[in-house]
Amino acid sequence: MTQLPPPSAKKLGLVIDLDTCVGCHACVVSCKGWNTENYGAPLSDQDPYGAAPSGTFLNRVHSYEVQPVAGPAQLIHFPKSCLHCEDAPCVTVCPTGASYKRAEDGIVLVNESDCIGCGLCAWACPYGARELDAAAGVMKKCTLCVDRIYNDNLPEEDRQPACVRTCPAGARHFGDLGDPDSDVSQLVAERGGFDLMPEQGTKPVNKYLPPRPKDQAPEIDILAPLLEPVAQDGQGFAAWLDKALSTLPGGRN
């Protein structure tokens, strides 16, 4: 089994804002594109245009309707990928050492040449963040775009994960969560960021920012103005019409 390195001072990870994520799936598409074109073997798809398409994704977005104790129901879009846990069970369960955690920055990776596709890491991960590539026969997961963030050939603004660079809503943030003065650490402190399923004891590096409570809109009857009487004083044409209708059989008395 693989041993975890000592905890690193540098902890690269993501902070995901559940309040601003709009569920557009741009992060999913950009992740699939970048990793298929650049990192390792392509992320395969099986029967993508058939009746039951399937494929390998390193990042997925799930949507849930949540009913707070007070206030209206909210639709929460929940992006999910590897959380690069400090105490990563997917690493320690790996029988070949293919799954490992980097000592220098805490990123969890898979050496695909050593992976035998046994699936033990997927069973050990409580977040369901690993997927077996059916075509390659190996496990794949989010790499934090390690081939981007240290690539000096890219402009500085592009040295961040593809999902972060692409997000149109600014819901994804990348940085060093081991540095309390970093932008991501400050954001977590200000917004009350939280760990996903802390009871599992995995100490995920990635954090989530909770959705802000929504204001309760007052109930407005948009038809009320249209249902008000046309005339209130009983004068003019309205008064004449009312008198004329009252003379008809079955008319008003």
C-alpha atoms as a PDB file:
ATOM      1  CA  MET A   1       0.000   0.000   0.000  1.00  0.00           C
ATOM      2  CA  THR A   2       1.085   3.584  -0.634  1.00  0.00           C
ATOM      3  CA  GLN A   3       2.183   5.832   2.200  1.00  0.00           C
ATOM      4  CA  LEU A   4       1.155   9.465   2.472  1.00  0.00           C
ATOM      5  CA  PRO A   5       3.913  12.086   2.688  1.00  0.00           C
ATOM      6  CA  PRO A   6       4.102  14.394   5.712  1.00  0.00           C
ATOM      7  CA  PRO A   7       1.608  17.278   5.503  1.00  0.00           C
ATOM      8  CA  SER A   8       2.935  19.961   3.183  1.00  0.00           C
ATOM      9  CA  ALA A   9       2.999  23.664   3.983  1.00  0.00           C
ATOM     10  CA  LYS A  10       1.720  24.398   0.489  1.00  0.00           C
ATOM     11  CA  LYS A  11      -1.798  23.107  -0.154  1.00  0.00           C
ATOM     12  CA  LEU A  12      -3.048  23.892  -3.631  1.00  0.00           C
ATOM     13  CA  GLY A  13      -6.775  23.521  -4.086  1.00  0.00           C
ATOM     14  CA  LEU A  14     -10.074  24.978  -5.190  1.00  0.00           C
ATOM     15  CA  VAL A  15     -12.674  27.118  -3.452  1.00  0.00           C
ATOM     16  CA  ILE A  16     -16.110  26.750  -5.025  1.00  0.00           C
ATOM     17  CA  ASP A  17     -18.838  29.314  -4.409  1.00  0.00           C
ATOM     18  CA  LEU A  18     -22.217  27.585  -4.307  1.00  0.00           C
ATOM     19  CA  ASP A  19     -23.908  30.984  -4.233  1.00  0.00           C
ATOM     20  CA  THR A  20     -22.660  32.110  -7.638  1.00  0.00           C
ATOM     21  CA  CYS A  21     -22.414  28.819  -9.551  1.00  0.00           C
ATOM     22  CA  VAL A  22     -25.116  28.894 -12.236  1.00  0.00           C
ATOM     23  CA  GLY A  23     -24.772  25.270 -13.348  1.00  0.00           C
ATOM     24  CA  CYS A  24     -23.718  26.156 -16.886  1.00  0.00           C
ATOM     25  CA  HIS A  25     -21.239  23.217 -17.067  1.00  0.00           C
ATOM     26  CA  ALA A  26     -18.544  25.382 -18.676  1.00  0.00           C
ATOM     27  CA  CYS A  27     -16.083  23.979 -16.132  1.00  0.00           C
ATOM     28  CA  VAL A  28     -17.017  20.422 -17.151  1.00  0.00           C
ATOM     29  CA  VAL A  29     -16.491  21.131 -20.836  1.00  0.00           C
ATOM     30  CA  SER A  30     -13.197  22.982 -20.360  1.00  0.00           C
ATOM     31  CA  CYS A  31     -11.874  20.242 -18.051  1.00  0.00           C
ATOM     32  CA  LYS A  32     -12.798  17.546 -20.535  1.00  0.00           C
ATOM     33  CA  GLY A  33     -11.241  19.495 -23.382  1.00  0.00           C
ATOM     34  CA  TRP A  34      -7.981  20.399 -21.687  1.00  0.00           C
ATOM     35  CA  ASN A  35      -7.303  16.973 -20.209  1.00  0.00           C
ATOM     36  CA  THR A  36      -8.282  15.147 -23.375  1.00  0.00           C
ATOM     37  CA  GLU A  37      -5.986  17.290 -25.499  1.00  0.00           C
ATOM     38  CA  ASN A  38      -3.031  17.734 -23.169  1.00  0.00           C
ATOM     39  CA  TYR A  39      -2.728  15.530 -20.074  1.00  0.00           C
ATOM     40  CA  GLY A  40      -2.098  11.788 -20.299  1.00  0.00           C
ATOM     41  CA  ALA A  41      -4.376   9.601 -22.367  1.00  0.00           C
ATOM     42  CA  PRO A  42      -7.620  11.095 -23.709  1.00  0.00           C
ATOM     43  CA  LEU A  43     -10.719  10.923 -21.529  1.00  0.00           C
ATOM     44  CA  SER A  44     -12.728   8.421 -23.504  1.00  0.00           C
ATOM     45  CA  ASP A  45     -16.409   8.365 -24.354  1.00  0.00           C
ATOM     46  CA  GLN A  46     -18.481   5.280 -25.071  1.00  0.00           C
ATOM     47  CA  ASP A  47     -21.279   5.531 -27.636  1.00  0.00           C
ATOM     48  CA  PRO A  48     -21.480   9.332 -27.179  1.00  0.00           C
ATOM     49  CA  TYR A  49     -24.253   9.738 -29.760  1.00  0.00           C
ATOM     50  CA  GLY A  50     -26.130   6.548 -28.987  1.00  0.00           C
ATOM     51  CA  ALA A  51     -29.023   5.644 -26.753  1.00  0.00           C
ATOM     52  CA  ALA A  52     -26.912   5.167 -23.611  1.00  0.00           C
ATOM     53  CA  PRO A  53     -23.836   7.389 -23.843  1.00  0.00           C
ATOM     54  CA  SER A  54     -21.199   7.301 -21.116  1.00  0.00           C
ATOM     55  CA  GLY A  55     -17.756   8.733 -20.618  1.00  0.00           C
ATOM     56  CA  THR A  56     -14.994   9.764 -18.267  1.00  0.00           C
ATOM     57  CA  PHE A  57     -15.139  13.179 -16.614  1.00  0.00           C
ATOM     58  CA  LEU A  58     -12.819  14.644 -13.980  1.00  0.00           C
ATOM     59  CA  ASN A  59     -15.376  17.256 -12.951  1.00  0.00           C
ATOM     60  CA  ARG A  60     -19.160  17.005 -12.823  1.00  0.00           C
ATOM     61  CA  VAL A  61     -21.932  19.388 -11.766  1.00  0.00           C
ATOM     62  CA  HIS A  62     -24.989  18.117  -9.881  1.00  0.00           C
ATOM     63  CA  SER A  63     -28.091  20.213  -9.187  1.00  0.00           C
ATOM     64  CA  TYR A  64     -30.311  19.934  -6.114  1.00  0.00           C
ATOM     65  CA  GLU A  65     -33.419  21.732  -4.924  1.00  0.00           C
ATOM     66  CA  VAL A  66     -32.913  22.732  -1.297  1.00  0.00           C
ATOM     67  CA  GLN A  67     -35.641  23.911   1.065  1.00  0.00           C
ATOM     68  CA  PRO A  68     -34.200  26.102   3.862  1.00  0.00           C
ATOM     69  CA  VAL A  69     -35.936  26.219   7.246  1.00  0.00           C
ATOM     70  CA  ALA A  70     -36.969  29.795   6.464  1.00  0.00           C
ATOM     71  CA  GLY A  71     -37.334  31.337   3.040  1.00  0.00           C
ATOM     72  CA  PRO A  72     -38.039  30.070  -0.452  1.00  0.00           C
ATOM     73  CA  ALA A  73     -36.613  26.920  -1.997  1.00  0.00           C
ATOM     74  CA  GLN A  74     -33.259  27.279  -3.737  1.00  0.00           C
ATOM     75  CA  LEU A  75     -31.710  25.467  -6.683  1.00  0.00           C
ATOM     76  CA  ILE A  76     -28.101  24.680  -5.759  1.00  0.00           C
ATOM     77  CA  HIS A  77     -25.585  23.698  -8.429  1.00  0.00           C
ATOM     78  CA  PHE A  78     -22.893  21.533  -6.874  1.00  0.00           C
ATOM     79  CA  PRO A  79     -19.620  21.016  -8.804  1.00  0.00           C
ATOM     80  CA  LYS A  80     -17.673  17.954  -7.684  1.00  0.00           C
ATOM     81  CA  SER A  81     -14.150  16.771  -8.404  1.00  0.00           C
ATOM     82  CA  CYS A  82     -11.199  15.389  -6.427  1.00  0.00           C
ATOM     83  CA  LEU A  83     -10.755  17.359  -3.202  1.00  0.00           C
ATOM     84  CA  HIS A  84      -7.016  16.519  -2.830  1.00  0.00           C
ATOM     85  CA  CYS A  85      -7.497  15.411   0.759  1.00  0.00           C
ATOM     86  CA  GLU A  86      -4.673  15.652   3.287  1.00  0.00           C
ATOM     87  CA  ASP A  87      -5.548  12.183   4.589  1.00  0.00           C
ATOM     88  CA  ALA A  88      -6.440  10.691   1.213  1.00  0.00           C
ATOM     89  CA  PRO A  89      -7.814   7.130   1.548  1.00  0.00           C
ATOM     90  CA  CYS A  90      -7.506   6.655  -2.209  1.00  0.00           C
ATOM     91  CA  VAL A  91      -3.719   6.844  -1.833  1.00  0.00           C
ATOM     92  CA  THR A  92      -3.239   4.503   1.088  1.00  0.00           C
ATOM     93  CA  VAL A  93      -5.498   1.811  -0.399  1.00  0.00           C
ATOM     94  CA  CYS A  94      -3.681   1.672  -3.748  1.00  0.00           C
ATOM     95  CA  PRO A  95      -1.863  -1.686  -4.078  1.00  0.00           C
ATOM     96  CA  THR A  96       0.623  -0.566  -6.738  1.00  0.00           C
ATOM     97  CA  GLY A  97       1.537   2.955  -5.647  1.00  0.00           C
ATOM     98  CA  ALA A  98      -0.080   4.418  -8.747  1.00  0.00           C
ATOM     99  CA  SER A  99      -2.146   6.776  -6.613  1.00  0.00           C
ATOM    100  CA  TYR A 100       0.052   9.218  -4.741  1.00  0.00           C
ATOM    101  CA  LYS A 101       0.093  12.624  -3.068  1.00  0.00           C
ATOM    102  CA  ARG A 102       2.796  15.137  -3.947  1.00  0.00           C
ATOM    103  CA  ALA A 103       4.880  16.328  -1.017  1.00  0.00           C
ATOM    104  CA  GLU A 104       5.622  19.739  -2.530  1.00  0.00           C
ATOM    105  CA  ASP A 105       2.062  21.019  -3.052  1.00  0.00           C
ATOM    106  CA  GLY A 106      -0.384  18.347  -1.804  1.00  0.00           C
ATOM    107  CA  ILE A 107      -1.868  17.516  -5.210  1.00  0.00           C
ATOM    108  CA  VAL A 108      -3.166  13.937  -5.486  1.00  0.00           C
ATOM    109  CA  LEU A 109      -2.336  12.260  -8.795  1.00  0.00           C
ATOM    110  CA  VAL A 110      -2.428   8.885 -10.537  1.00  0.00           C
ATOM    111  CA  ASN A 111       0.551   7.390 -12.353  1.00  0.00           C
ATOM    112  CA  GLU A 112      -1.388   5.771 -15.158  1.00  0.00           C
ATOM    113  CA  SER A 113       1.479   3.501 -16.166  1.00  0.00           C
ATOM    114  CA  ASP A 114       1.321   1.806 -12.728  1.00  0.00           C
ATOM    115  CA  CYS A 115      -2.478   1.704 -12.424  1.00  0.00           C
ATOM    116  CA  ILE A 116      -4.049  -1.737 -12.892  1.00  0.00           C
ATOM    117  CA  GLY A 117      -7.647  -0.470 -12.857  1.00  0.00           C
ATOM    118  CA  CYS A 118      -8.619  -2.462  -9.773  1.00  0.00           C
ATOM    119  CA  GLY A 119     -10.963   0.297  -8.602  1.00  0.00           C
ATOM    120  CA  LEU A 120      -9.964   0.153  -4.927  1.00  0.00           C
ATOM    121  CA  CYS A 121      -9.291   3.895  -4.876  1.00  0.00           C
ATOM    122  CA  ALA A 122     -12.771   4.611  -6.235  1.00  0.00           C
ATOM    123  CA  TRP A 123     -14.288   2.458  -3.485  1.00  0.00           C
ATOM    124  CA  ALA A 124     -12.186   4.221  -0.842  1.00  0.00           C
ATOM    125  CA  CYS A 125     -13.047   7.757  -1.972  1.00  0.00           C
ATOM    126  CA  PRO A 126     -16.138   8.922  -0.041  1.00  0.00           C
ATOM    127  CA  TYR A 127     -16.842  11.633  -2.617  1.00  0.00           C
ATOM    128  CA  GLY A 128     -17.085   9.506  -5.757  1.00  0.00           C
ATOM    129  CA  ALA A 129     -14.418  11.655  -7.387  1.00  0.00           C
ATOM    130  CA  ARG A 130     -12.569   8.942  -9.313  1.00  0.00           C
ATOM    131  CA  GLU A 131     -13.696   7.347 -12.543  1.00  0.00           C
ATOM    132  CA  LEU A 132     -12.486   4.327 -14.460  1.00  0.00           C
ATOM    133  CA  ASP A 133     -11.689   5.128 -18.073  1.00  0.00           C
ATOM    134  CA  ALA A 134     -13.314   2.184 -19.844  1.00  0.00           C
ATOM    135  CA  ALA A 135     -11.103   2.529 -22.909  1.00  0.00           C
ATOM    136  CA  ALA A 136      -7.778   2.945 -21.103  1.00  0.00           C
ATOM    137  CA  GLY A 137      -8.584   0.607 -18.206  1.00  0.00           C
ATOM    138  CA  VAL A 138      -7.114   2.965 -15.615  1.00  0.00           C
ATOM    139  CA  MET A 139      -8.483   5.307 -12.953  1.00  0.00           C
ATOM    140  CA  LYS A 140      -8.555   9.023 -13.685  1.00  0.00           C
ATOM    141  CA  LYS A 141      -9.192  12.082 -11.564  1.00  0.00           C
ATOM    142  CA  CYS A 142      -8.775  15.840 -11.306  1.00  0.00           C
ATOM    143  CA  THR A 143      -5.106  16.865 -11.485  1.00  0.00           C
ATOM    144  CA  LEU A 144      -5.667  20.557 -10.717  1.00  0.00           C
ATOM    145  CA  CYS A 145      -4.282  20.960 -14.249  1.00  0.00           C
ATOM    146  CA  VAL A 146      -0.762  20.373 -12.973  1.00  0.00           C
ATOM    147  CA  ASP A 147       0.436  20.743 -16.554  1.00  0.00           C
ATOM    148  CA  ARG A 148      -0.988  24.292 -16.658  1.00  0.00           C
ATOM    149  CA  ILE A 149      -0.265  25.795 -13.265  1.00  0.00           C
ATOM    150  CA  TYR A 150       3.517  25.278 -13.519  1.00  0.00           C
ATOM    151  CA  ASN A 151       3.792  25.887 -17.278  1.00  0.00           C
ATOM    152  CA  ASP A 152       6.044  28.898 -17.856  1.00  0.00           C
ATOM    153  CA  ASN A 153       5.131  28.840 -21.548  1.00  0.00           C
ATOM    154  CA  LEU A 154       1.609  29.985 -20.702  1.00  0.00           C
ATOM    155  CA  PRO A 155       0.693  33.590 -19.850  1.00  0.00           C
ATOM    156  CA  GLU A 156       0.533  34.088 -16.094  1.00  0.00           C
ATOM    157  CA  GLU A 157      -3.250  34.529 -16.146  1.00  0.00           C
ATOM    158  CA  ASP A 158      -3.596  31.076 -17.736  1.00  0.00           C
ATOM    159  CA  ARG A 159      -1.538  29.284 -15.076  1.00  0.00           C
ATOM    160  CA  GLN A 160      -4.576  28.054 -13.225  1.00  0.00           C
ATOM    161  CA  PRO A 161      -6.903  25.091 -13.709  1.00  0.00           C
ATOM    162  CA  ALA A 162      -8.938  25.179 -16.894  1.00  0.00           C
ATOM    163  CA  CYS A 163     -12.197  25.093 -14.934  1.00  0.00           C
ATOM    164  CA  VAL A 164     -11.214  28.206 -12.961  1.00  0.00           C
ATOM    165  CA  ARG A 165     -10.042  30.050 -16.060  1.00  0.00           C
ATOM    166  CA  THR A 166     -13.301  29.258 -17.869  1.00  0.00           C
ATOM    167  CA  CYS A 167     -15.978  29.844 -15.199  1.00  0.00           C
ATOM    168  CA  PRO A 168     -18.119  32.768 -16.448  1.00  0.00           C
ATOM    169  CA  ALA A 169     -19.670  33.392 -13.030  1.00  0.00           C
ATOM    170  CA  GLY A 170     -16.413  33.571 -11.071  1.00  0.00           C
ATOM    171  CA  ALA A 171     -17.604  30.727  -8.858  1.00  0.00           C
ATOM    172  CA  ARG A 172     -14.292  28.837  -8.864  1.00  0.00           C
ATOM    173  CA  HIS A 173     -11.101  30.036  -7.188  1.00  0.00           C
ATOM    174  CA  PHE A 174      -7.623  28.493  -7.106  1.00  0.00           C
ATOM    175  CA  GLY A 175      -4.719  29.051  -4.748  1.00  0.00           C
ATOM    176  CA  ASP A 176      -2.711  27.964  -1.750  1.00  0.00           C
ATOM    177  CA  LEU A 177      -5.030  27.041   1.097  1.00  0.00           C
ATOM    178  CA  GLY A 178      -2.023  26.385   3.301  1.00  0.00           C
ATOM    179  CA  ASP A 179      -1.239  30.104   3.315  1.00  0.00           C
ATOM    180  CA  PRO A 180      -3.665  31.922   5.631  1.00  0.00           C
ATOM    181  CA  ASP A 181      -2.944  35.197   3.835  1.00  0.00           C
ATOM    182  CA  SER A 182      -3.733  33.912   0.335  1.00  0.00           C
ATOM    183  CA  ASP A 183      -6.804  35.169  -1.499  1.00  0.00           C
ATOM    184  CA  VAL A 184      -8.524  31.783  -1.279  1.00  0.00           C
ATOM    185  CA  SER A 185      -7.872  31.433   2.449  1.00  0.00           C
ATOM    186  CA  GLN A 186      -9.212  34.928   3.070  1.00  0.00           C
ATOM    187  CA  LEU A 187     -12.293  34.114   1.008  1.00  0.00           C
ATOM    188  CA  VAL A 188     -12.931  30.960   3.034  1.00  0.00           C
ATOM    189  CA  ALA A 189     -12.576  32.902   6.299  1.00  0.00           C
ATOM    190  CA  GLU A 190     -14.873  35.726   5.179  1.00  0.00           C
ATOM    191  CA  ARG A 191     -17.630  33.531   3.775  1.00  0.00           C
ATOM    192  CA  GLY A 192     -17.561  30.663   6.248  1.00  0.00           C
ATOM    193  CA  GLY A 193     -16.166  28.093   3.835  1.00  0.00           C
ATOM    194  CA  PHE A 194     -16.631  24.465   4.846  1.00  0.00           C
ATOM    195  CA  ASP A 195     -15.271  20.969   4.211  1.00  0.00           C
ATOM    196  CA  LEU A 196     -17.374  18.466   2.316  1.00  0.00           C
ATOM    197  CA  MET A 197     -18.415  15.602   4.617  1.00  0.00           C
ATOM    198  CA  PRO A 198     -15.949  16.416   7.415  1.00  0.00           C
ATOM    199  CA  GLU A 199     -17.166  13.387   9.370  1.00  0.00           C
ATOM    200  CA  GLN A 200     -15.180  11.188   6.965  1.00  0.00           C
ATOM    201  CA  GLY A 201     -11.926  12.509   8.444  1.00  0.00           C
ATOM    202  CA  THR A 202     -10.213  12.937   5.062  1.00  0.00           C
ATOM    203  CA  LYS A 203      -9.384  16.644   5.614  1.00  0.00           C
ATOM    204  CA  PRO A 204     -10.199  17.819   2.078  1.00  0.00           C
ATOM    205  CA  VAL A 205      -8.135  20.739   0.838  1.00  0.00           C
ATOM    206  CA  ASN A 206     -10.885  22.029  -1.447  1.00  0.00           C
ATOM    207  CA  LYS A 207     -13.499  24.166   0.272  1.00  0.00           C
ATOM    208  CA  TYR A 208     -17.068  25.168  -0.521  1.00  0.00           C
ATOM    209  CA  LEU A 209     -18.665  28.548   0.144  1.00  0.00           C
ATOM    210  CA  PRO A 210     -22.296  28.270   1.301  1.00  0.00           C
ATOM    211  CA  PRO A 211     -25.152  29.859  -0.642  1.00  0.00           C
ATOM    212  CA  ARG A 212     -26.348  33.126   0.803  1.00  0.00           C
ATOM    213  CA  PRO A 213     -29.931  33.168   2.153  1.00  0.00           C
ATOM    214  CA  LYS A 214     -32.432  34.543  -0.331  1.00  0.00           C
ATOM    215  CA  ASP A 215     -34.833  37.355   0.549  1.00  0.00           C
ATOM    216  CA  GLN A 216     -38.476  36.402   0.924  1.00  0.00           C
ATOM    217  CA  ALA A 217     -40.295  38.345  -1.776  1.00  0.00           C
ATOM    218  CA  PRO A 218     -43.636  39.854  -0.692  1.00  0.00           C
ATOM    219  CA  GLU A 219     -46.708  38.288  -2.241  1.00  0.00           C
ATOM    220  CA  ILE A 220     -48.048  40.503  -5.026  1.00  0.00           C
ATOM    221  CA  ASP A 221     -51.352  39.968  -6.793  1.00  0.00           C
ATOM    222  CA  ILE A 222     -50.586  41.251 -10.265  1.00  0.00           C
ATOM    223  CA  LEU A 223     -54.271  41.038 -11.275  1.00  0.00           C
ATOM    224  CA  ALA A 224     -55.535  43.162  -8.397  1.00  0.00           C
ATOM    225  CA  PRO A 225     -55.309  46.505 -10.254  1.00  0.00           C
ATOM    226  CA  LEU A 226     -57.270  45.034 -13.161  1.00  0.00           C
ATOM    227  CA  LEU A 227     -60.073  43.807 -10.896  1.00  0.00           C
ATOM    228  CA  GLU A 228     -60.752  47.156  -9.253  1.00  0.00           C
ATOM    229  CA  PRO A 229     -64.041  48.874 -10.261  1.00  0.00           C
ATOM    230  CA  VAL A 230     -63.683  51.231 -13.172  1.00  0.00           C
ATOM    231  CA  ALA A 231     -65.643  53.945 -11.392  1.00  0.00           C
ATOM    232  CA  GLN A 232     -66.042  54.523  -7.680  1.00  0.00           C
ATOM    233  CA  ASP A 233     -68.302  57.626  -7.600  1.00  0.00           C
ATOM    234  CA  GLY A 234     -71.226  56.344  -9.691  1.00  0.00           C
ATOM    235  CA  GLN A 235     -71.168  59.343 -12.078  1.00  0.00           C
ATOM    236  CA  GLY A 236     -70.971  59.782 -15.830  1.00  0.00           C
ATOM    237  CA  PHE A 237     -71.210  56.952 -18.345  1.00  0.00           C
ATOM    238  CA  ALA A 238     -70.545  54.270 -15.733  1.00  0.00           C
ATOM    239  CA  ALA A 239     -73.543  55.450 -13.692  1.00  0.00           C
ATOM    240  CA  TRP A 240     -75.797  55.536 -16.783  1.00  0.00           C
ATOM    241  CA  LEU A 241     -74.674  52.027 -17.831  1.00  0.00           C
ATOM    242  CA  ASP A 242     -75.297  50.694 -14.346  1.00  0.00           C
ATOM    243  CA  LYS A 243     -78.808  52.165 -14.340  1.00  0.00           C
ATOM    244  CA  ALA A 244     -79.542  50.810 -17.832  1.00  0.00           C
ATOM    245  CA  LEU A 245     -78.422  47.292 -16.941  1.00  0.00           C
ATOM    246  CA  SER A 246     -80.530  47.321 -13.783  1.00  0.00           C
ATOM    247  CA  THR A 247     -83.702  47.717 -15.862  1.00  0.00           C
ATOM    248  CA  LEU A 248     -83.067  44.531 -17.820  1.00  0.00           C
ATOM    249  CA  PRO A 249     -84.730  41.250 -16.739  1.00  0.00           C
ATOM    250  CA  GLY A 250     -82.355  39.630 -14.292  1.00  0.00           C
ATOM    251  CA  GLY A 251     -80.365  42.841 -14.139  1.00  0.00           C
ATOM    252  CA  ARG A 252     -78.945  44.483 -11.059  1.00  0.00           C
ATOM    253  CA  ASN A 253     -81.373  45.698  -8.382  1.00  0.00           C
END
